[in-house]
Amino acid sequence: MQAAPVRATAIPSFTTALRAVESLLMSSGQRTARRNAWTSVLEDRRRAKDRVEAERVLEQTPAPRL
């Protein structure tokens, strides 16, 4: 007797599931606006992180002698 073949179905990621629900509930324009807004949030966070790092570097740099 042979064992039945096992079928593996990939479980969608949370992001994939969320996008599927989003596509059902929102029009295309709203989805684009939401994604653009999230991209802006991520970019703002990156710039803030870069700004903090630049401030640290400037604080550690000795002042020039006159």
C-alpha atoms as a PDB file:
ATOM      1  CA  MET A   1       0.000   0.000   0.000  1.00  0.00           C
ATOM      2  CA  GLN A   2       1.360   3.427  -0.941  1.00  0.00           C
ATOM      3  CA  ALA A   3       0.819   6.603   1.005  1.00  0.00           C
ATOM      4  CA  ALA A   4      -1.319   9.264  -0.604  1.00  0.00           C
ATOM      5  CA  PRO A   5       0.688  12.110  -2.157  1.00  0.00           C
ATOM      6  CA  VAL A   6       0.992  15.172   0.041  1.00  0.00           C
ATOM      7  CA  ARG A   7      -0.072  18.466  -1.479  1.00  0.00           C
ATOM      8  CA  ALA A   8       1.488  21.557  -0.037  1.00  0.00           C
ATOM      9  CA  THR A   9      -0.435  24.752  -0.453  1.00  0.00           C
ATOM     10  CA  ALA A  10       1.352  27.939   0.400  1.00  0.00           C
ATOM     11  CA  ILE A  11      -0.316  29.942   3.125  1.00  0.00           C
ATOM     12  CA  PRO A  12      -0.513  33.564   1.982  1.00  0.00           C
ATOM     13  CA  SER A  13       1.484  36.041   3.993  1.00  0.00           C
ATOM     14  CA  PHE A  14      -0.264  38.586   6.154  1.00  0.00           C
ATOM     15  CA  THR A  15       0.651  41.312   3.644  1.00  0.00           C
ATOM     16  CA  THR A  16      -0.845  39.347   0.757  1.00  0.00           C
ATOM     17  CA  ALA A  17      -4.036  38.704   2.712  1.00  0.00           C
ATOM     18  CA  LEU A  18      -4.277  42.350   3.740  1.00  0.00           C
ATOM     19  CA  ARG A  19      -3.863  43.523   0.143  1.00  0.00           C
ATOM     20  CA  ALA A  20      -6.586  41.101  -0.979  1.00  0.00           C
ATOM     21  CA  VAL A  21      -9.013  42.514   1.598  1.00  0.00           C
ATOM     22  CA  GLU A  22      -7.917  46.034   0.703  1.00  0.00           C
ATOM     23  CA  SER A  23      -8.645  45.435  -2.984  1.00  0.00           C
ATOM     24  CA  LEU A  24     -12.149  44.240  -2.127  1.00  0.00           C
ATOM     25  CA  LEU A  25     -12.956  47.203   0.099  1.00  0.00           C
ATOM     26  CA  MET A  26     -11.294  50.112  -1.669  1.00  0.00           C
ATOM     27  CA  SER A  27     -11.215  51.528  -5.121  1.00  0.00           C
ATOM     28  CA  SER A  28      -7.947  51.618  -7.029  1.00  0.00           C
ATOM     29  CA  GLY A  29      -7.357  55.298  -6.300  1.00  0.00           C
ATOM     30  CA  GLN A  30      -7.730  54.814  -2.563  1.00  0.00           C
ATOM     31  CA  ARG A  31      -5.279  51.911  -2.588  1.00  0.00           C
ATOM     32  CA  THR A  32      -2.742  53.987  -4.478  1.00  0.00           C
ATOM     33  CA  ALA A  33      -3.195  56.896  -2.074  1.00  0.00           C
ATOM     34  CA  ARG A  34      -2.757  54.630   0.951  1.00  0.00           C
ATOM     35  CA  ARG A  35       0.395  53.053  -0.464  1.00  0.00           C
ATOM     36  CA  ASN A  36       1.803  56.467  -1.350  1.00  0.00           C
ATOM     37  CA  ALA A  37       1.076  57.706   2.164  1.00  0.00           C
ATOM     38  CA  TRP A  38       2.795  54.684   3.725  1.00  0.00           C
ATOM     39  CA  THR A  39       5.811  55.153   1.439  1.00  0.00           C
ATOM     40  CA  SER A  40       5.996  58.776   2.615  1.00  0.00           C
ATOM     41  CA  VAL A  41       5.874  57.693   6.256  1.00  0.00           C
ATOM     42  CA  LEU A  42       8.731  55.246   5.711  1.00  0.00           C
ATOM     43  CA  GLU A  43      10.777  57.887   3.882  1.00  0.00           C
ATOM     44  CA  ASP A  44      10.174  60.427   6.688  1.00  0.00           C
ATOM     45  CA  ARG A  45      11.366  57.863   9.238  1.00  0.00           C
ATOM     46  CA  ARG A  46      14.495  57.186   7.177  1.00  0.00           C
ATOM     47  CA  ARG A  47      15.275  60.912   6.899  1.00  0.00           C
ATOM     48  CA  ALA A  48      14.759  61.380  10.655  1.00  0.00           C
ATOM     49  CA  LYS A  49      17.129  58.493  11.367  1.00  0.00           C
ATOM     50  CA  ASP A  50      19.717  59.984   8.984  1.00  0.00           C
ATOM     51  CA  ARG A  51      19.331  63.401  10.628  1.00  0.00           C
ATOM     52  CA  VAL A  52      19.941  61.960  14.104  1.00  0.00           C
ATOM     53  CA  GLU A  53      23.030  60.134  12.844  1.00  0.00           C
ATOM     54  CA  ALA A  54      24.363  63.320  11.212  1.00  0.00           C
ATOM     55  CA  GLU A  55      23.860  65.237  14.475  1.00  0.00           C
ATOM     56  CA  ARG A  56      25.845  62.580  16.370  1.00  0.00           C
ATOM     57  CA  VAL A  57      28.703  62.798  13.874  1.00  0.00           C
ATOM     58  CA  LEU A  58      28.755  66.605  14.049  1.00  0.00           C
ATOM     59  CA  GLU A  59      28.762  66.549  17.857  1.00  0.00           C
ATOM     60  CA  GLN A  60      31.754  64.187  17.871  1.00  0.00           C
ATOM     61  CA  THR A  61      33.730  66.266  15.375  1.00  0.00           C
ATOM     62  CA  PRO A  62      36.125  68.669  17.085  1.00  0.00           C
ATOM     63  CA  ALA A  63      35.577  72.370  16.466  1.00  0.00           C
ATOM     64  CA  PRO A  64      38.105  73.957  14.104  1.00  0.00           C
ATOM     65  CA  ARG A  65      40.776  76.149  15.681  1.00  0.00           C
ATOM     66  CA  LEU A  66      40.789  79.778  14.632  1.00  0.00           C
END
